[in-house]
All heavy atoms as atom14 arrays in JSON, in Angstrom:
{
  "sequence": "NCERSQRVCCFLKIGHPELVKWNYCRVFVLPDPNDSGHILGYY",
  "atom14_mask": [
    [1, 1, 1, 1, 1, 1, 1, 1, 0, 0, 0, 0, 0, 0],
    [1, 1, 1, 1, 1, 1, 0, 0, 0, 0, 0, 0, 0, 0],
    [1, 1, 1, 1, 1, 1, 1, 1, 1, 0, 0, 0, 0, 0],
    [1, 1, 1, 1, 1, 1, 1, 1, 1, 1, 1, 0, 0, 0],
    [1, 1, 1, 1, 1, 1, 0, 0, 0, 0, 0, 0, 0, 0],
    [1, 1, 1, 1, 1, 1, 1, 1, 1, 0, 0, 0, 0, 0],
    [1, 1, 1, 1, 1, 1, 1, 1, 1, 1, 1, 0, 0, 0],
    [1, 1, 1, 1, 1, 1, 1, 0, 0, 0, 0, 0, 0, 0],
    [1, 1, 1, 1, 1, 1, 0, 0, 0, 0, 0, 0, 0, 0],
    [1, 1, 1, 1, 1, 1, 0, 0, 0, 0, 0, 0, 0, 0],
    [1, 1, 1, 1, 1, 1, 1, 1, 1, 1, 1, 0, 0, 0],
    [1, 1, 1, 1, 1, 1, 1, 1, 0, 0, 0, 0, 0, 0],
    [1, 1, 1, 1, 1, 1, 1, 1, 1, 0, 0, 0, 0, 0],
    [1, 1, 1, 1, 1, 1, 1, 1, 0, 0, 0, 0, 0, 0],
    [1, 1, 1, 1, 0, 0, 0, 0, 0, 0, 0, 0, 0, 0],
    [1, 1, 1, 1, 1, 1, 1, 1, 1, 1, 0, 0, 0, 0],
    [1, 1, 1, 1, 1, 1, 1, 0, 0, 0, 0, 0, 0, 0],
    [1, 1, 1, 1, 1, 1, 1, 1, 1, 0, 0, 0, 0, 0],
    [1, 1, 1, 1, 1, 1, 1, 1, 0, 0, 0, 0, 0, 0],
    [1, 1, 1, 1, 1, 1, 1, 0, 0, 0, 0, 0, 0, 0],
    [1, 1, 1, 1, 1, 1, 1, 1, 1, 0, 0, 0, 0, 0],
    [1, 1, 1, 1, 1, 1, 1, 1, 1, 1, 1, 1, 1, 1],
    [1, 1, 1, 1, 1, 1, 1, 1, 0, 0, 0, 0, 0, 0],
    [1, 1, 1, 1, 1, 1, 1, 1, 1, 1, 1, 1, 0, 0],
    [1, 1, 1, 1, 1, 1, 0, 0, 0, 0, 0, 0, 0, 0],
    [1, 1, 1, 1, 1, 1, 1, 1, 1, 1, 1, 0, 0, 0],
    [1, 1, 1, 1, 1, 1, 1, 0, 0, 0, 0, 0, 0, 0],
    [1, 1, 1, 1, 1, 1, 1, 1, 1, 1, 1, 0, 0, 0],
    [1, 1, 1, 1, 1, 1, 1, 0, 0, 0, 0, 0, 0, 0],
    [1, 1, 1, 1, 1, 1, 1, 1, 0, 0, 0, 0, 0, 0],
    [1, 1, 1, 1, 1, 1, 1, 0, 0, 0, 0, 0, 0, 0],
    [1, 1, 1, 1, 1, 1, 1, 1, 0, 0, 0, 0, 0, 0],
    [1, 1, 1, 1, 1, 1, 1, 0, 0, 0, 0, 0, 0, 0],
    [1, 1, 1, 1, 1, 1, 1, 1, 0, 0, 0, 0, 0, 0],
    [1, 1, 1, 1, 1, 1, 1, 1, 0, 0, 0, 0, 0, 0],
    [1, 1, 1, 1, 1, 1, 0, 0, 0, 0, 0, 0, 0, 0],
    [1, 1, 1, 1, 0, 0, 0, 0, 0, 0, 0, 0, 0, 0],
    [1, 1, 1, 1, 1, 1, 1, 1, 1, 1, 0, 0, 0, 0],
    [1, 1, 1, 1, 1, 1, 1, 1, 0, 0, 0, 0, 0, 0],
    [1, 1, 1, 1, 1, 1, 1, 1, 0, 0, 0, 0, 0, 0],
    [1, 1, 1, 1, 0, 0, 0, 0, 0, 0, 0, 0, 0, 0],
    [1, 1, 1, 1, 1, 1, 1, 1, 1, 1, 1, 1, 0, 0],
    [1, 1, 1, 1, 1, 1, 1, 1, 1, 1, 1, 1, 0, 0]
  ],
  "atom14_positions": [
    [[103.04, 107.17, 120.69], [102.79, 105.78, 120.48], [101.82, 105.61, 119.27], [100.77, 106.11, 119.17], [102.29, 105.08, 121.69], [102.41, 103.55, 121.59], [103.43, 103.08, 121.0], [101.35, 102.77, 121.88], [0.0, 0.0, 0.0], [0.0, 0.0, 0.0], [0.0, 0.0, 0.0], [0.0, 0.0, 0.0], [0.0, 0.0, 0.0], [0.0, 0.0, 0.0]],
    [[102.28, 104.8, 118.29], [101.35, 104.48, 116.98], [101.6, 103.11, 116.8], [102.44, 102.51, 116.15], [101.92, 105.31, 115.81], [100.96, 105.03, 114.35], [0.0, 0.0, 0.0], [0.0, 0.0, 0.0], [0.0, 0.0, 0.0], [0.0, 0.0, 0.0], [0.0, 0.0, 0.0], [0.0, 0.0, 0.0], [0.0, 0.0, 0.0], [0.0, 0.0, 0.0]],
    [[100.61, 102.24, 117.47], [100.71, 100.71, 117.2], [100.47, 100.32, 115.83], [100.97, 99.36, 115.39], [99.59, 100.2, 118.1], [99.87, 100.18, 119.59], [101.08, 99.26, 119.91], [101.2, 98.12, 119.3], [101.84, 99.6, 120.79], [0.0, 0.0, 0.0], [0.0, 0.0, 0.0], [0.0, 0.0, 0.0], [0.0, 0.0, 0.0], [0.0, 0.0, 0.0]],
    [[99.71, 101.09, 115.02], [99.44, 100.7, 113.75], [100.71, 100.66, 112.79], [100.77, 100.02, 111.84], [98.43, 101.79, 112.97], [97.93, 101.47, 111.69], [96.74, 102.25, 111.19], [95.67, 101.81, 111.96], [94.45, 102.41, 111.89], [94.35, 103.61, 111.19], [93.42, 102.05, 112.61], [0.0, 0.0, 0.0], [0.0, 0.0, 0.0], [0.0, 0.0, 0.0]],
    [[101.67, 101.52, 113.09], [102.93, 101.53, 112.3], [104.16, 101.76, 113.17], [104.45, 103.01, 113.56], [102.84, 102.71, 111.23], [104.06, 102.86, 110.57], [0.0, 0.0, 0.0], [0.0, 0.0, 0.0], [0.0, 0.0, 0.0], [0.0, 0.0, 0.0], [0.0, 0.0, 0.0], [0.0, 0.0, 0.0], [0.0, 0.0, 0.0], [0.0, 0.0, 0.0]],
    [[104.99, 100.84, 113.49], [106.15, 100.98, 114.19], [107.1, 101.81, 113.38], [108.06, 102.5, 113.98], [106.83, 99.59, 114.49], [106.04, 98.87, 115.44], [105.94, 99.64, 116.78], [106.91, 100.19, 117.41], [104.6, 99.96, 117.32], [0.0, 0.0, 0.0], [0.0, 0.0, 0.0], [0.0, 0.0, 0.0], [0.0, 0.0, 0.0], [0.0, 0.0, 0.0]],
    [[107.05, 101.72, 112.01], [107.91, 102.6, 111.25], [107.75, 104.08, 111.52], [108.73, 104.7, 111.7], [107.73, 102.3, 109.72], [108.34, 102.96, 108.67], [107.86, 102.64, 107.4], [108.27, 103.6, 106.4], [107.76, 104.64, 105.88], [106.55, 104.96, 106.42], [108.17, 105.4, 105.08], [0.0, 0.0, 0.0], [0.0, 0.0, 0.0], [0.0, 0.0, 0.0]],
    [[106.46, 104.49, 111.59], [106.16, 105.94, 111.87], [106.57, 106.31, 113.22], [107.12, 107.36, 113.55], [104.61, 106.15, 111.64], [104.16, 107.33, 112.37], [104.3, 106.07, 110.14], [0.0, 0.0, 0.0], [0.0, 0.0, 0.0], [0.0, 0.0, 0.0], [0.0, 0.0, 0.0], [0.0, 0.0, 0.0], [0.0, 0.0, 0.0], [0.0, 0.0, 0.0]],
    [[106.45, 105.37, 114.12], [106.78, 105.68, 115.64], [108.23, 105.7, 115.8], [108.83, 106.73, 116.41], [106.25, 104.55, 116.46], [106.1, 104.9, 118.12], [0.0, 0.0, 0.0], [0.0, 0.0, 0.0], [0.0, 0.0, 0.0], [0.0, 0.0, 0.0], [0.0, 0.0, 0.0], [0.0, 0.0, 0.0], [0.0, 0.0, 0.0], [0.0, 0.0, 0.0]],
    [[108.97, 104.88, 115.13], [110.55, 104.8, 115.21], [111.18, 106.02, 114.54], [112.12, 106.53, 115.14], [111.12, 103.44, 114.65], [110.75, 102.09, 115.68], [0.0, 0.0, 0.0], [0.0, 0.0, 0.0], [0.0, 0.0, 0.0], [0.0, 0.0, 0.0], [0.0, 0.0, 0.0], [0.0, 0.0, 0.0], [0.0, 0.0, 0.0], [0.0, 0.0, 0.0]],
    [[110.47, 106.43, 113.52], [111.26, 107.54, 112.8], [111.05, 108.79, 113.77], [112.1, 109.53, 113.86], [110.43, 107.79, 111.43], [111.02, 108.96, 110.8], [112.25, 108.97, 110.12], [110.41, 110.32, 110.98], [112.88, 110.12, 109.57], [110.93, 111.48, 110.34], [112.15, 111.46, 109.66], [0.0, 0.0, 0.0], [0.0, 0.0, 0.0], [0.0, 0.0, 0.0]],
    [[109.94, 109.11, 114.27], [109.83, 110.23, 115.22], [110.69, 110.09, 116.29], [111.31, 111.04, 116.81], [108.37, 110.39, 115.66], [108.15, 111.6, 116.42], [108.42, 112.94, 115.66], [106.61, 111.58, 116.94], [0.0, 0.0, 0.0], [0.0, 0.0, 0.0], [0.0, 0.0, 0.0], [0.0, 0.0, 0.0], [0.0, 0.0, 0.0], [0.0, 0.0, 0.0]],
    [[110.83, 108.97, 117.01], [111.45, 108.76, 118.23], [112.95, 108.7, 118.08], [113.79, 109.14, 118.9], [111.14, 107.48, 119.08], [109.65, 107.57, 119.59], [109.32, 106.47, 120.29], [107.87, 106.57, 121.07], [107.71, 105.4, 121.84], [0.0, 0.0, 0.0], [0.0, 0.0, 0.0], [0.0, 0.0, 0.0], [0.0, 0.0, 0.0], [0.0, 0.0, 0.0]],
    [[113.44, 108.14, 116.87], [114.85, 107.83, 116.67], [115.46, 108.38, 115.37], [116.6, 108.92, 115.46], [115.09, 106.31, 116.78], [114.58, 105.71, 118.07], [116.56, 105.92, 116.45], [114.56, 104.2, 118.17], [0.0, 0.0, 0.0], [0.0, 0.0, 0.0], [0.0, 0.0, 0.0], [0.0, 0.0, 0.0], [0.0, 0.0, 0.0], [0.0, 0.0, 0.0]],
    [[114.66, 108.16, 114.39], [115.33, 108.34, 112.89], [115.24, 109.87, 112.46], [116.15, 110.12, 111.59], [0.0, 0.0, 0.0], [0.0, 0.0, 0.0], [0.0, 0.0, 0.0], [0.0, 0.0, 0.0], [0.0, 0.0, 0.0], [0.0, 0.0, 0.0], [0.0, 0.0, 0.0], [0.0, 0.0, 0.0], [0.0, 0.0, 0.0], [0.0, 0.0, 0.0]],
    [[114.48, 110.59, 112.96], [114.4, 112.02, 112.3], [115.66, 112.92, 112.38], [115.84, 113.55, 111.51], [113.14, 112.79, 112.84], [113.38, 113.39, 114.18], [113.16, 112.69, 115.29], [113.7, 114.64, 114.49], [113.42, 113.5, 116.28], [113.7, 114.65, 115.9], [0.0, 0.0, 0.0], [0.0, 0.0, 0.0], [0.0, 0.0, 0.0], [0.0, 0.0, 0.0]],
    [[116.44, 112.84, 113.45], [117.52, 113.87, 113.64], [118.46, 113.91, 112.43], [118.9, 114.83, 111.92], [118.17, 113.52, 114.9], [117.16, 112.85, 115.71], [116.26, 112.06, 114.71], [0.0, 0.0, 0.0], [0.0, 0.0, 0.0], [0.0, 0.0, 0.0], [0.0, 0.0, 0.0], [0.0, 0.0, 0.0], [0.0, 0.0, 0.0], [0.0, 0.0, 0.0]],
    [[118.87, 112.69, 111.92], [119.89, 112.44, 110.89], [119.2, 113.17, 109.58], [120.05, 113.9, 108.92], [120.09, 111.06, 110.59], [121.2, 110.85, 109.56], [122.54, 111.09, 110.05], [122.79, 111.53, 111.35], [123.55, 111.12, 109.26], [0.0, 0.0, 0.0], [0.0, 0.0, 0.0], [0.0, 0.0, 0.0], [0.0, 0.0, 0.0], [0.0, 0.0, 0.0]],
    [[117.99, 112.83, 109.2], [117.39, 113.47, 108.01], [117.2, 114.98, 108.1], [117.49, 115.73, 107.11], [116.12, 112.81, 107.66], [116.35, 111.35, 107.1], [115.0, 110.76, 106.66], [117.33, 111.19, 106.19], [0.0, 0.0, 0.0], [0.0, 0.0, 0.0], [0.0, 0.0, 0.0], [0.0, 0.0, 0.0], [0.0, 0.0, 0.0], [0.0, 0.0, 0.0]],
    [[116.81, 115.44, 109.35], [116.69, 116.87, 109.49], [118.1, 117.53, 109.44], [118.24, 118.57, 108.87], [116.05, 117.21, 110.85], [116.06, 118.72, 111.25], [114.56, 116.72, 110.82], [0.0, 0.0, 0.0], [0.0, 0.0, 0.0], [0.0, 0.0, 0.0], [0.0, 0.0, 0.0], [0.0, 0.0, 0.0], [0.0, 0.0, 0.0], [0.0, 0.0, 0.0]],
    [[119.14, 116.99, 109.96], [120.32, 117.5, 109.95], [120.88, 117.75, 108.53], [121.54, 118.73, 108.18], [121.32, 116.66, 110.8], [122.87, 117.21, 110.83], [123.65, 116.24, 111.53], [124.26, 115.22, 110.65], [125.27, 114.37, 111.22], [0.0, 0.0, 0.0], [0.0, 0.0, 0.0], [0.0, 0.0, 0.0], [0.0, 0.0, 0.0], [0.0, 0.0, 0.0]],
    [[120.56, 116.75, 107.66], [121.13, 116.8, 106.37], [120.12, 117.65, 105.33], [120.21, 117.6, 104.21], [121.36, 115.35, 105.71], [122.64, 114.94, 106.35], [122.74, 113.94, 107.37], [123.89, 115.08, 105.81], [124.06, 113.62, 107.59], [124.77, 114.42, 106.64], [124.43, 116.0, 104.98], [126.25, 114.45, 106.56], [125.88, 116.0, 104.75], [126.65, 115.2, 105.61]],
    [[119.07, 118.17, 105.96], [118.23, 119.01, 105.22], [117.44, 118.11, 104.2], [116.87, 118.64, 103.23], [118.87, 120.13, 104.48], [118.09, 121.47, 104.49], [117.25, 121.69, 105.27], [118.39, 122.29, 103.42], [0.0, 0.0, 0.0], [0.0, 0.0, 0.0], [0.0, 0.0, 0.0], [0.0, 0.0, 0.0], [0.0, 0.0, 0.0], [0.0, 0.0, 0.0]],
    [[117.08, 116.86, 104.66], [116.27, 116.12, 103.87], [114.79, 116.13, 104.07], [113.86, 115.94, 103.21], [116.62, 114.59, 103.99], [117.78, 114.18, 103.28], [118.86, 114.97, 102.88], [117.81, 112.8, 102.64], [119.94, 114.5, 102.13], [118.88, 112.34, 101.81], [119.88, 113.18, 101.65], [120.93, 112.78, 100.93], [0.0, 0.0, 0.0], [0.0, 0.0, 0.0]],
    [[114.47, 116.63, 105.27], [113.0, 116.85, 105.69], [112.88, 117.84, 106.71], [113.8, 118.19, 107.49], [112.36, 115.52, 105.92], [112.9, 114.76, 107.59], [0.0, 0.0, 0.0], [0.0, 0.0, 0.0], [0.0, 0.0, 0.0], [0.0, 0.0, 0.0], [0.0, 0.0, 0.0], [0.0, 0.0, 0.0], [0.0, 0.0, 0.0], [0.0, 0.0, 0.0]],
    [[111.67, 118.17, 107.0], [111.24, 118.92, 108.16], [110.11, 118.13, 108.84], [109.29, 117.5, 108.17], [110.76, 120.36, 107.83], [111.78, 121.3, 107.36], [112.8, 121.72, 108.39], [113.89, 122.54, 107.82], [114.96, 122.01, 107.41], [115.37, 120.81, 107.48], [115.94, 122.99, 106.95], [0.0, 0.0, 0.0], [0.0, 0.0, 0.0], [0.0, 0.0, 0.0]],
    [[109.98, 118.27, 110.21], [109.02, 117.44, 110.85], [108.09, 118.48, 111.62], [108.54, 119.51, 112.28], [109.74, 116.69, 112.07], [108.65, 115.81, 112.71], [110.69, 115.75, 111.51], [0.0, 0.0, 0.0], [0.0, 0.0, 0.0], [0.0, 0.0, 0.0], [0.0, 0.0, 0.0], [0.0, 0.0, 0.0], [0.0, 0.0, 0.0], [0.0, 0.0, 0.0]],
    [[106.83, 118.31, 111.44], [105.69, 119.2, 111.85], [104.87, 118.4, 112.79], [104.33, 117.23, 112.39], [105.01, 119.81, 110.81], [105.98, 120.68, 109.8], [106.41, 120.13, 108.7], [106.28, 121.94, 110.34], [107.16, 120.87, 107.9], [107.11, 122.6, 109.45], [107.62, 122.11, 108.29], [0.0, 0.0, 0.0], [0.0, 0.0, 0.0], [0.0, 0.0, 0.0]],
    [[104.51, 118.91, 113.92], [103.74, 118.07, 114.97], [102.39, 118.84, 115.39], [102.49, 120.01, 115.31], [104.57, 117.75, 116.28], [105.86, 117.11, 115.98], [104.93, 119.1, 116.89], [0.0, 0.0, 0.0], [0.0, 0.0, 0.0], [0.0, 0.0, 0.0], [0.0, 0.0, 0.0], [0.0, 0.0, 0.0], [0.0, 0.0, 0.0], [0.0, 0.0, 0.0]],
    [[101.48, 118.07, 115.66], [100.23, 118.7, 116.09], [100.13, 118.5, 117.69], [100.07, 117.42, 118.2], [99.03, 117.97, 115.49], [97.63, 118.28, 115.96], [97.21, 119.86, 115.82], [96.57, 117.41, 115.38], [0.0, 0.0, 0.0], [0.0, 0.0, 0.0], [0.0, 0.0, 0.0], [0.0, 0.0, 0.0], [0.0, 0.0, 0.0], [0.0, 0.0, 0.0]],
    [[100.42, 119.61, 118.38], [100.44, 119.46, 119.84], [99.07, 119.4, 120.44], [98.06, 119.95, 119.93], [101.15, 120.72, 120.36], [101.05, 121.75, 119.24], [100.78, 120.98, 117.93], [0.0, 0.0, 0.0], [0.0, 0.0, 0.0], [0.0, 0.0, 0.0], [0.0, 0.0, 0.0], [0.0, 0.0, 0.0], [0.0, 0.0, 0.0], [0.0, 0.0, 0.0]],
    [[98.97, 118.62, 121.52], [97.67, 118.55, 122.33], [97.38, 119.95, 122.92], [98.21, 120.6, 123.48], [97.93, 117.48, 123.53], [96.66, 117.29, 124.2], [95.81, 118.21, 124.26], [96.53, 116.09, 124.84], [0.0, 0.0, 0.0], [0.0, 0.0, 0.0], [0.0, 0.0, 0.0], [0.0, 0.0, 0.0], [0.0, 0.0, 0.0], [0.0, 0.0, 0.0]],
    [[96.09, 120.45, 122.59], [95.89, 121.82, 123.11], [95.85, 121.88, 124.52], [96.07, 123.05, 125.13], [94.44, 122.05, 122.6], [93.98, 120.77, 122.14], [95.07, 119.94, 121.86], [0.0, 0.0, 0.0], [0.0, 0.0, 0.0], [0.0, 0.0, 0.0], [0.0, 0.0, 0.0], [0.0, 0.0, 0.0], [0.0, 0.0, 0.0], [0.0, 0.0, 0.0]],
    [[95.7, 120.81, 125.25], [95.81, 120.84, 126.76], [97.2, 120.52, 127.31], [97.4, 120.6, 128.61], [94.71, 119.79, 127.35], [93.43, 120.09, 126.81], [92.96, 121.26, 126.94], [92.64, 119.1, 126.3], [0.0, 0.0, 0.0], [0.0, 0.0, 0.0], [0.0, 0.0, 0.0], [0.0, 0.0, 0.0], [0.0, 0.0, 0.0], [0.0, 0.0, 0.0]],
    [[98.1, 120.16, 126.49], [99.42, 119.85, 126.93], [100.37, 119.91, 125.7], [100.54, 118.98, 124.88], [99.45, 118.37, 127.5], [100.9, 117.87, 127.78], [101.81, 118.67, 127.86], [101.0, 116.73, 128.29], [0.0, 0.0, 0.0], [0.0, 0.0, 0.0], [0.0, 0.0, 0.0], [0.0, 0.0, 0.0], [0.0, 0.0, 0.0], [0.0, 0.0, 0.0]],
    [[100.96, 121.06, 125.55], [101.67, 121.38, 124.33], [102.9, 120.42, 124.11], [103.44, 120.42, 122.99], [102.27, 122.87, 124.33], [103.11, 123.02, 125.49], [0.0, 0.0, 0.0], [0.0, 0.0, 0.0], [0.0, 0.0, 0.0], [0.0, 0.0, 0.0], [0.0, 0.0, 0.0], [0.0, 0.0, 0.0], [0.0, 0.0, 0.0], [0.0, 0.0, 0.0]],
    [[103.31, 119.79, 125.18], [104.48, 118.88, 124.9], [104.08, 117.47, 124.41], [104.9, 116.72, 123.84], [0.0, 0.0, 0.0], [0.0, 0.0, 0.0], [0.0, 0.0, 0.0], [0.0, 0.0, 0.0], [0.0, 0.0, 0.0], [0.0, 0.0, 0.0], [0.0, 0.0, 0.0], [0.0, 0.0, 0.0], [0.0, 0.0, 0.0], [0.0, 0.0, 0.0]],
    [[102.75, 117.16, 124.56], [102.23, 115.87, 123.93], [101.95, 116.0, 122.46], [101.23, 116.95, 122.13], [101.0, 115.49, 124.83], [100.41, 114.2, 124.25], [101.16, 113.03, 124.29], [99.11, 113.87, 123.87], [100.26, 111.96, 123.87], [99.16, 112.6, 123.65], [0.0, 0.0, 0.0], [0.0, 0.0, 0.0], [0.0, 0.0, 0.0], [0.0, 0.0, 0.0]],
    [[102.42, 115.12, 121.69], [102.17, 115.04, 120.31], [101.05, 114.19, 119.87], [101.04, 112.99, 120.08], [103.52, 114.62, 119.55], [104.68, 115.53, 119.88], [103.25, 114.49, 118.02], [105.98, 115.0, 119.37], [0.0, 0.0, 0.0], [0.0, 0.0, 0.0], [0.0, 0.0, 0.0], [0.0, 0.0, 0.0], [0.0, 0.0, 0.0], [0.0, 0.0, 0.0]],
    [[99.99, 114.9, 119.2], [98.79, 114.04, 118.75], [99.09, 113.45, 117.52], [98.54, 112.4, 117.1], [97.59, 115.04, 118.76], [97.02, 115.54, 120.12], [95.84, 116.41, 119.87], [96.69, 114.4, 121.04], [0.0, 0.0, 0.0], [0.0, 0.0, 0.0], [0.0, 0.0, 0.0], [0.0, 0.0, 0.0], [0.0, 0.0, 0.0], [0.0, 0.0, 0.0]],
    [[99.9, 114.16, 116.57], [100.19, 113.47, 115.36], [101.38, 114.29, 114.69], [101.74, 115.38, 115.21], [0.0, 0.0, 0.0], [0.0, 0.0, 0.0], [0.0, 0.0, 0.0], [0.0, 0.0, 0.0], [0.0, 0.0, 0.0], [0.0, 0.0, 0.0], [0.0, 0.0, 0.0], [0.0, 0.0, 0.0], [0.0, 0.0, 0.0], [0.0, 0.0, 0.0]],
    [[101.94, 113.8, 113.72], [103.14, 114.55, 112.99], [103.01, 114.16, 111.47], [102.56, 113.08, 111.09], [104.23, 114.25, 113.63], [105.05, 112.97, 113.29], [106.04, 113.1, 112.29], [104.7, 111.7, 113.8], [106.7, 111.79, 111.69], [105.37, 110.54, 113.37], [106.39, 110.55, 112.37], [106.95, 109.45, 112.01], [0.0, 0.0, 0.0], [0.0, 0.0, 0.0]],
    [[103.81, 114.93, 110.74], [104.14, 114.58, 109.34], [105.51, 115.18, 108.98], [105.89, 116.1, 109.57], [103.11, 114.99, 108.29], [102.8, 116.49, 108.16], [103.57, 117.3, 107.51], [101.77, 117.12, 109.0], [103.48, 118.69, 107.36], [101.55, 118.5, 108.95], [102.25, 119.2, 108.1], [101.96, 120.54, 108.03], [0.0, 0.0, 0.0], [0.0, 0.0, 0.0]]
  ]
}
């Protein structure tokens, strides 16, 4: 959840698969050290 930017939030949740599939970008996440499934941030 990123209240400051819905654009950033929606891309991670919905928009990234299409761009990754077409080799337009790669997504890198910073996992929570106490819970590797929880994403603290990404670019």
